[in-house]
């Protein structure tokens, strides 16, 4: 399956409604149906209040504009999930707020569609999203990624050589154990994911984020 990594912002949504609908449907399948999180689903699409903020969306798209991977990036100086929805995951501290820290949320991959894995055992779409996050953050002057994820993804990050620095102890949310943490944004990590990706993905698929602002 040929995959491409794309980026979307709200000001181009009207010209890419199929991709916007696809990413919200994927989120509904993952977070409502599979993980059983307490999320709002309209029809078959998961949408929350942070989608009204200044968000950037990274997508992995297969043939015929099928969205098989998604992550949302939000500035931590504004409303974000860690600070405003999951502050209890930070323990006794406070959620990070800095112009150099961006939050990732709603990271998900359609595991029923994307089965191929890279050399380190991570799914192709997951590796593409990791590389896309790092590339976007480096291009926009971000040095740290804040995130809320589950302990399963924490293990994937560790196995991939991008270990999470926990901000608190895991807490049960739905059917998963959720944890908040920080990830460093470095060119070394980006190069490592690009190298792993080249083992199974044609270089054109990770040449860079395809801008859809036109």
C-alpha atoms as a PDB file:
ATOM      1  CA  UNK A   1       0.000   0.000   0.000  1.00  0.00           C
ATOM      2  CA  UNK A   2       1.408   3.363  -1.011  1.00  0.00           C
ATOM      3  CA  UNK A   3       1.170   5.969   1.769  1.00  0.00           C
ATOM      4  CA  UNK A   4       1.637   9.742   1.773  1.00  0.00           C
ATOM      5  CA  UNK A   5       1.964  12.177   4.680  1.00  0.00           C
ATOM      6  CA  UNK A   6      -0.104  15.348   4.453  1.00  0.00           C
ATOM      7  CA  UNK A   7      -0.737  18.379   6.637  1.00  0.00           C
ATOM      8  CA  UNK A   8      -3.991  20.302   6.997  1.00  0.00           C
ATOM      9  CA  UNK A   9      -5.004  23.480   8.791  1.00  0.00           C
ATOM     10  CA  UNK A  10      -8.514  24.824   9.287  1.00  0.00           C
ATOM     11  CA  UNK A  11      -8.296  27.507   6.614  1.00  0.00           C
ATOM     12  CA  UNK A  12      -8.133  24.837   3.870  1.00  0.00           C
ATOM     13  CA  UNK A  13     -10.780  22.465   5.271  1.00  0.00           C
ATOM     14  CA  UNK A  14     -13.387  23.621   2.765  1.00  0.00           C
ATOM     15  CA  UNK A  15     -11.238  22.453  -0.143  1.00  0.00           C
ATOM     16  CA  UNK A  16     -10.485  19.026   1.357  1.00  0.00           C
ATOM     17  CA  UNK A  17     -13.757  17.882   2.920  1.00  0.00           C
ATOM     18  CA  UNK A  18     -13.108  14.222   2.081  1.00  0.00           C
ATOM     19  CA  UNK A  19      -9.881  14.211   4.103  1.00  0.00           C
ATOM     20  CA  UNK A  20     -11.474  16.120   6.991  1.00  0.00           C
ATOM     21  CA  UNK A  21     -14.376  13.658   7.166  1.00  0.00           C
ATOM     22  CA  UNK A  22     -11.967  10.730   6.890  1.00  0.00           C
ATOM     23  CA  UNK A  23      -9.810  11.852   9.810  1.00  0.00           C
ATOM     24  CA  UNK A  24     -12.818  12.400  12.072  1.00  0.00           C
ATOM     25  CA  UNK A  25     -14.245   8.979  11.148  1.00  0.00           C
ATOM     26  CA  UNK A  26     -10.909   7.335  11.925  1.00  0.00           C
ATOM     27  CA  UNK A  27     -10.873   9.066  15.315  1.00  0.00           C
ATOM     28  CA  UNK A  28     -14.401   7.797  15.991  1.00  0.00           C
ATOM     29  CA  UNK A  29     -13.434   4.199  15.199  1.00  0.00           C
ATOM     30  CA  UNK A  30     -10.320   4.322  17.354  1.00  0.00           C
ATOM     31  CA  UNK A  31     -11.250   6.398  20.393  1.00  0.00           C
ATOM     32  CA  UNK A  32     -14.949   5.571  20.724  1.00  0.00           C
ATOM     33  CA  UNK A  33     -15.252   2.058  19.335  1.00  0.00           C
ATOM     34  CA  UNK A  34     -11.849   0.508  20.070  1.00  0.00           C
ATOM     35  CA  UNK A  35     -10.521   2.357  23.126  1.00  0.00           C
ATOM     36  CA  UNK A  36     -13.955   3.161  24.638  1.00  0.00           C
ATOM     37  CA  UNK A  37     -12.960   6.678  25.664  1.00  0.00           C
ATOM     38  CA  UNK A  38     -15.669   9.088  26.759  1.00  0.00           C
ATOM     39  CA  UNK A  39     -15.656  11.100  23.533  1.00  0.00           C
ATOM     40  CA  UNK A  40     -18.438  12.806  21.593  1.00  0.00           C
ATOM     41  CA  UNK A  41     -19.327  11.199  18.267  1.00  0.00           C
ATOM     42  CA  UNK A  42     -21.637  12.865  15.758  1.00  0.00           C
ATOM     43  CA  UNK A  43     -22.804  10.216  13.330  1.00  0.00           C
ATOM     44  CA  UNK A  44     -19.587   8.252  12.947  1.00  0.00           C
ATOM     45  CA  UNK A  45     -17.200  11.203  13.401  1.00  0.00           C
ATOM     46  CA  UNK A  46     -15.340  12.152  16.599  1.00  0.00           C
ATOM     47  CA  UNK A  47     -14.988  15.915  17.011  1.00  0.00           C
ATOM     48  CA  UNK A  48     -14.058  17.834  20.160  1.00  0.00           C
ATOM     49  CA  UNK A  49     -13.755  21.455  21.217  1.00  0.00           C
ATOM     50  CA  UNK A  50     -10.045  21.594  20.483  1.00  0.00           C
ATOM     51  CA  UNK A  51     -10.791  21.193  16.789  1.00  0.00           C
ATOM     52  CA  UNK A  52     -12.032  24.787  16.926  1.00  0.00           C
ATOM     53  CA  UNK A  53      -8.591  25.980  18.029  1.00  0.00           C
ATOM     54  CA  UNK A  54      -5.458  26.803  16.039  1.00  0.00           C
ATOM     55  CA  UNK A  55      -4.692  23.177  15.247  1.00  0.00           C
ATOM     56  CA  UNK A  56      -2.505  21.512  12.641  1.00  0.00           C
ATOM     57  CA  UNK A  57      -3.415  18.010  11.482  1.00  0.00           C
ATOM     58  CA  UNK A  58      -0.928  15.486  10.126  1.00  0.00           C
ATOM     59  CA  UNK A  59      -2.506  12.683   8.112  1.00  0.00           C
ATOM     60  CA  UNK A  60      -1.308   9.464   6.560  1.00  0.00           C
ATOM     61  CA  UNK A  61      -3.318   8.886   3.406  1.00  0.00           C
ATOM     62  CA  UNK A  62      -3.553   5.727   1.308  1.00  0.00           C
ATOM     63  CA  UNK A  63      -4.879   5.324  -2.202  1.00  0.00           C
ATOM     64  CA  UNK A  64      -8.031   7.228  -3.150  1.00  0.00           C
ATOM     65  CA  UNK A  65      -7.664   9.682  -0.223  1.00  0.00           C
ATOM     66  CA  UNK A  66      -8.301   7.088   2.486  1.00  0.00           C
ATOM     67  CA  UNK A  67      -7.102   8.454   5.851  1.00  0.00           C
ATOM     68  CA  UNK A  68      -5.287   5.682   7.741  1.00  0.00           C
ATOM     69  CA  UNK A  69      -3.330   7.784  10.256  1.00  0.00           C
ATOM     70  CA  UNK A  70      -3.898  11.028  12.160  1.00  0.00           C
ATOM     71  CA  UNK A  71      -2.404  13.290  14.795  1.00  0.00           C
ATOM     72  CA  UNK A  72      -3.385  16.795  15.893  1.00  0.00           C
ATOM     73  CA  UNK A  73      -0.866  19.424  17.003  1.00  0.00           C
ATOM     74  CA  UNK A  74      -1.854  22.314  19.285  1.00  0.00           C
ATOM     75  CA  UNK A  75       0.216  25.146  20.799  1.00  0.00           C
ATOM     76  CA  UNK A  76       0.507  24.719  24.561  1.00  0.00           C
ATOM     77  CA  UNK A  77       0.052  28.457  25.149  1.00  0.00           C
ATOM     78  CA  UNK A  78      -3.616  28.058  24.202  1.00  0.00           C
ATOM     79  CA  UNK A  79      -6.311  25.554  25.138  1.00  0.00           C
ATOM     80  CA  UNK A  80      -5.054  21.964  24.887  1.00  0.00           C
ATOM     81  CA  UNK A  81      -6.025  18.529  26.130  1.00  0.00           C
ATOM     82  CA  UNK A  82      -3.269  18.001  28.690  1.00  0.00           C
ATOM     83  CA  UNK A  83      -3.839  21.327  30.449  1.00  0.00           C
ATOM     84  CA  UNK A  84      -7.614  21.537  30.174  1.00  0.00           C
ATOM     85  CA  UNK A  85      -8.938  17.957  29.981  1.00  0.00           C
ATOM     86  CA  UNK A  86      -6.297  15.705  31.552  1.00  0.00           C
ATOM     87  CA  UNK A  87      -4.455  17.880  34.121  1.00  0.00           C
ATOM     88  CA  UNK A  88      -4.748  15.036  36.658  1.00  0.00           C
ATOM     89  CA  UNK A  89      -2.229  13.067  34.572  1.00  0.00           C
ATOM     90  CA  UNK A  90       0.507  15.565  35.455  1.00  0.00           C
ATOM     91  CA  UNK A  91       0.474  14.568  39.122  1.00  0.00           C
ATOM     92  CA  UNK A  92       1.567  17.368  41.465  1.00  0.00           C
ATOM     93  CA  UNK A  93       3.007  19.508  38.676  1.00  0.00           C
ATOM     94  CA  UNK A  94       1.463  21.712  36.021  1.00  0.00           C
ATOM     95  CA  UNK A  95       0.900  21.057  32.350  1.00  0.00           C
ATOM     96  CA  UNK A  96       3.685  22.596  30.248  1.00  0.00           C
ATOM     97  CA  UNK A  97       2.970  25.914  28.573  1.00  0.00           C
ATOM     98  CA  UNK A  98       5.702  27.326  26.359  1.00  0.00           C
ATOM     99  CA  UNK A  99       6.116  28.773  22.855  1.00  0.00           C
ATOM    100  CA  UNK A 100       8.637  25.972  22.216  1.00  0.00           C
ATOM    101  CA  UNK A 101       6.363  23.116  23.310  1.00  0.00           C
ATOM    102  CA  UNK A 102       3.544  21.778  21.131  1.00  0.00           C
ATOM    103  CA  UNK A 103       0.959  19.198  22.145  1.00  0.00           C
ATOM    104  CA  UNK A 104       0.068  16.144  20.096  1.00  0.00           C
ATOM    105  CA  UNK A 105      -3.326  14.559  20.595  1.00  0.00           C
ATOM    106  CA  UNK A 106      -5.716  12.111  18.921  1.00  0.00           C
ATOM    107  CA  UNK A 107      -2.809  10.062  17.538  1.00  0.00           C
ATOM    108  CA  UNK A 108      -4.328   7.059  15.804  1.00  0.00           C
ATOM    109  CA  UNK A 109      -3.696   4.547  13.032  1.00  0.00           C
ATOM    110  CA  UNK A 110      -6.153   2.265  11.247  1.00  0.00           C
ATOM    111  CA  UNK A 111      -4.514  -1.023  12.218  1.00  0.00           C
ATOM    112  CA  UNK A 112      -7.083  -2.995  10.237  1.00  0.00           C
ATOM    113  CA  UNK A 113      -5.897  -1.354   6.997  1.00  0.00           C
ATOM    114  CA  UNK A 114      -2.183  -0.737   7.563  1.00  0.00           C
ATOM    115  CA  UNK A 115      -0.499  -4.018   8.448  1.00  0.00           C
ATOM    116  CA  UNK A 116       2.998  -3.557   7.018  1.00  0.00           C
ATOM    117  CA  UNK A 117       5.735  -2.819   9.540  1.00  0.00           C
ATOM    118  CA  UNK A 118       9.165  -1.219   9.388  1.00  0.00           C
ATOM    119  CA  UNK A 119      12.455  -2.772  10.456  1.00  0.00           C
ATOM    120  CA  UNK A 120      11.903  -2.018  14.158  1.00  0.00           C
ATOM    121  CA  UNK A 121       8.466  -3.679  14.187  1.00  0.00           C
ATOM    122  CA  UNK A 122       6.432  -0.445  14.107  1.00  0.00           C
ATOM    123  CA  UNK A 123       3.615  -0.033  11.623  1.00  0.00           C
ATOM    124  CA  UNK A 124       4.469   2.009   8.545  1.00  0.00           C
ATOM    125  CA  UNK A 125       1.786   4.628   9.229  1.00  0.00           C
ATOM    126  CA  UNK A 126       2.988   5.068  12.819  1.00  0.00           C
ATOM    127  CA  UNK A 127       6.567   5.649  11.681  1.00  0.00           C
ATOM    128  CA  UNK A 128       5.388   8.149   9.074  1.00  0.00           C
ATOM    129  CA  UNK A 129       3.468  10.083  11.712  1.00  0.00           C
ATOM    130  CA  UNK A 130       6.487  10.124  14.054  1.00  0.00           C
ATOM    131  CA  UNK A 131       8.665  11.489  11.240  1.00  0.00           C
ATOM    132  CA  UNK A 132       5.974  13.982  10.228  1.00  0.00           C
ATOM    133  CA  UNK A 133       5.637  15.309  13.771  1.00  0.00           C
ATOM    134  CA  UNK A 134       9.391  15.762  14.105  1.00  0.00           C
ATOM    135  CA  UNK A 135       9.700  17.423  10.695  1.00  0.00           C
ATOM    136  CA  UNK A 136       6.843  19.843  11.399  1.00  0.00           C
ATOM    137  CA  UNK A 137       8.148  20.712  14.870  1.00  0.00           C
ATOM    138  CA  UNK A 138      11.688  21.350  13.637  1.00  0.00           C
ATOM    139  CA  UNK A 139      10.345  23.565  10.848  1.00  0.00           C
ATOM    140  CA  UNK A 140       8.303  25.592  13.367  1.00  0.00           C
ATOM    141  CA  UNK A 141      10.888  26.049  16.110  1.00  0.00           C
ATOM    142  CA  UNK A 142       9.486  23.521  18.587  1.00  0.00           C
ATOM    143  CA  UNK A 143      11.911  21.714  20.910  1.00  0.00           C
ATOM    144  CA  UNK A 144       9.508  19.479  22.895  1.00  0.00           C
ATOM    145  CA  UNK A 145       6.327  17.523  22.265  1.00  0.00           C
ATOM    146  CA  UNK A 146       3.786  17.111  25.068  1.00  0.00           C
ATOM    147  CA  UNK A 147       1.270  14.313  24.775  1.00  0.00           C
ATOM    148  CA  UNK A 148      -1.318  12.138  26.475  1.00  0.00           C
ATOM    149  CA  UNK A 149      -1.119   8.582  25.258  1.00  0.00           C
ATOM    150  CA  UNK A 150      -1.604   5.046  26.548  1.00  0.00           C
ATOM    151  CA  UNK A 151       0.994   2.680  27.961  1.00  0.00           C
ATOM    152  CA  UNK A 152       0.847   0.544  24.813  1.00  0.00           C
ATOM    153  CA  UNK A 153       1.981   3.508  22.696  1.00  0.00           C
ATOM    154  CA  UNK A 154       4.539   4.358  25.365  1.00  0.00           C
ATOM    155  CA  UNK A 155       6.093   0.937  24.771  1.00  0.00           C
ATOM    156  CA  UNK A 156       6.084   1.524  21.003  1.00  0.00           C
ATOM    157  CA  UNK A 157       7.849   4.860  21.501  1.00  0.00           C
ATOM    158  CA  UNK A 158      10.480   3.235  23.717  1.00  0.00           C
ATOM    159  CA  UNK A 159      11.040   0.415  21.251  1.00  0.00           C
ATOM    160  CA  UNK A 160      11.366   2.970  18.453  1.00  0.00           C
ATOM    161  CA  UNK A 161      14.117   4.856  20.297  1.00  0.00           C
ATOM    162  CA  UNK A 162      11.947   7.848  21.253  1.00  0.00           C
ATOM    163  CA  UNK A 163      11.191   7.207  24.955  1.00  0.00           C
ATOM    164  CA  UNK A 164       8.543   9.229  26.753  1.00  0.00           C
ATOM    165  CA  UNK A 165       9.504  11.268  29.818  1.00  0.00           C
ATOM    166  CA  UNK A 166       6.521  10.723  32.116  1.00  0.00           C
ATOM    167  CA  UNK A 167       4.892  13.685  33.855  1.00  0.00           C
ATOM    168  CA  UNK A 168       2.848  11.510  36.206  1.00  0.00           C
ATOM    169  CA  UNK A 169       1.649   7.993  36.870  1.00  0.00           C
ATOM    170  CA  UNK A 170      -0.728   6.213  34.439  1.00  0.00           C
ATOM    171  CA  UNK A 171      -4.470   6.486  35.083  1.00  0.00           C
ATOM    172  CA  UNK A 172      -7.266   4.323  33.727  1.00  0.00           C
ATOM    173  CA  UNK A 173      -9.341   5.986  30.984  1.00  0.00           C
ATOM    174  CA  UNK A 174     -11.874   3.796  29.186  1.00  0.00           C
ATOM    175  CA  UNK A 175     -10.193   0.500  28.373  1.00  0.00           C
ATOM    176  CA  UNK A 176      -6.627   1.872  28.444  1.00  0.00           C
ATOM    177  CA  UNK A 177      -4.047   3.142  30.928  1.00  0.00           C
ATOM    178  CA  UNK A 178      -3.334   6.758  29.930  1.00  0.00           C
ATOM    179  CA  UNK A 179      -0.089   8.582  30.668  1.00  0.00           C
ATOM    180  CA  UNK A 180       1.160  12.130  30.024  1.00  0.00           C
ATOM    181  CA  UNK A 181       4.715  12.880  29.018  1.00  0.00           C
ATOM    182  CA  UNK A 182       7.257  14.816  26.997  1.00  0.00           C
ATOM    183  CA  UNK A 183       9.258  13.849  23.919  1.00  0.00           C
ATOM    184  CA  UNK A 184      12.385  15.655  22.667  1.00  0.00           C
ATOM    185  CA  UNK A 185      12.350  17.126  19.178  1.00  0.00           C
ATOM    186  CA  UNK A 186      15.738  16.532  17.555  1.00  0.00           C
ATOM    187  CA  UNK A 187      17.152  16.105  14.069  1.00  0.00           C
ATOM    188  CA  UNK A 188      18.739  12.872  15.254  1.00  0.00           C
ATOM    189  CA  UNK A 189      15.338  11.357  15.997  1.00  0.00           C
ATOM    190  CA  UNK A 190      14.001  12.556  12.633  1.00  0.00           C
ATOM    191  CA  UNK A 191      16.966  11.019  10.802  1.00  0.00           C
ATOM    192  CA  UNK A 192      16.473   7.736  12.667  1.00  0.00           C
ATOM    193  CA  UNK A 193      12.796   7.495  11.682  1.00  0.00           C
ATOM    194  CA  UNK A 194      13.603   8.411   8.092  1.00  0.00           C
ATOM    195  CA  UNK A 195      16.218   5.657   8.003  1.00  0.00           C
ATOM    196  CA  UNK A 196      13.818   3.085   9.428  1.00  0.00           C
ATOM    197  CA  UNK A 197      11.127   4.224   6.988  1.00  0.00           C
ATOM    198  CA  UNK A 198      13.424   3.721   4.012  1.00  0.00           C
ATOM    199  CA  UNK A 199      13.597   0.023   4.818  1.00  0.00           C
ATOM    200  CA  UNK A 200      10.036  -0.478   3.605  1.00  0.00           C
ATOM    201  CA  UNK A 201       8.787   2.845   2.206  1.00  0.00           C
ATOM    202  CA  UNK A 202       9.836   4.510  -1.015  1.00  0.00           C
ATOM    203  CA  UNK A 203      11.768   7.756  -0.311  1.00  0.00           C
ATOM    204  CA  UNK A 204       9.107   9.813  -2.099  1.00  0.00           C
ATOM    205  CA  UNK A 205       6.629   8.931   0.636  1.00  0.00           C
ATOM    206  CA  UNK A 206       8.676  10.698   3.333  1.00  0.00           C
ATOM    207  CA  UNK A 207      10.334  13.424   1.275  1.00  0.00           C
ATOM    208  CA  UNK A 208       8.471  15.991   3.326  1.00  0.00           C
ATOM    209  CA  UNK A 209       4.996  17.089   4.278  1.00  0.00           C
ATOM    210  CA  UNK A 210       2.882  17.823   1.206  1.00  0.00           C
ATOM    211  CA  UNK A 211       1.419  21.268   1.723  1.00  0.00           C
ATOM    212  CA  UNK A 212      -2.282  21.493   0.899  1.00  0.00           C
ATOM    213  CA  UNK A 213      -2.580  25.264   1.219  1.00  0.00           C
ATOM    214  CA  UNK A 214      -3.091  25.766  -2.499  1.00  0.00           C
END
